[in-house]
Amino acid sequence: KLMIAFSYELSRRESKMGTPERPISDLGLVSYRSYWVYALLEILHKHRGSISVQELSERTAFRTDDIVKTLQAFNLIRYFGGQHSILVTPKTLEQHYTNAKPNWIIDSTKLRWTPYHERPKR
């Protein structure tokens, strides 16, 4: 999961969407989904008001379909009226957030890396 988190941090720095290679194995999906749900819950835990799947995607660098499928797997999203709605009560959020908390964190302030497209030309 540490490598997954590191990979997504690099994707955010490059302003690109990240995703695992497809097709993803069952075991790979479990690992990614574990990371995705924690990252999404962390945002939802701190966020007040409504937030869209697109906004979550922009903040995390996750593809929107990965977000929707992850939230569906944890029963945190509903589809009605032609759109997805994130439905999370504070109690449900706290329960999932506590259970998903990892024992690793990427401190992005310590990362010293320049995306290739931003490097000076030689």
Foldseek 3Di string as FASTA:
>chain_A
DVVVQVVQLVCLLVQAADDDDPPDDPVRLVVVLLVLLLLLLVCVLPDDDFDFLVRSCSVRSHDSVSNVVSCVVLVQWDDDPNDIGGHDDPVRSVVSNVVSDDPDDDDSVPDDDHDPVPDDDD
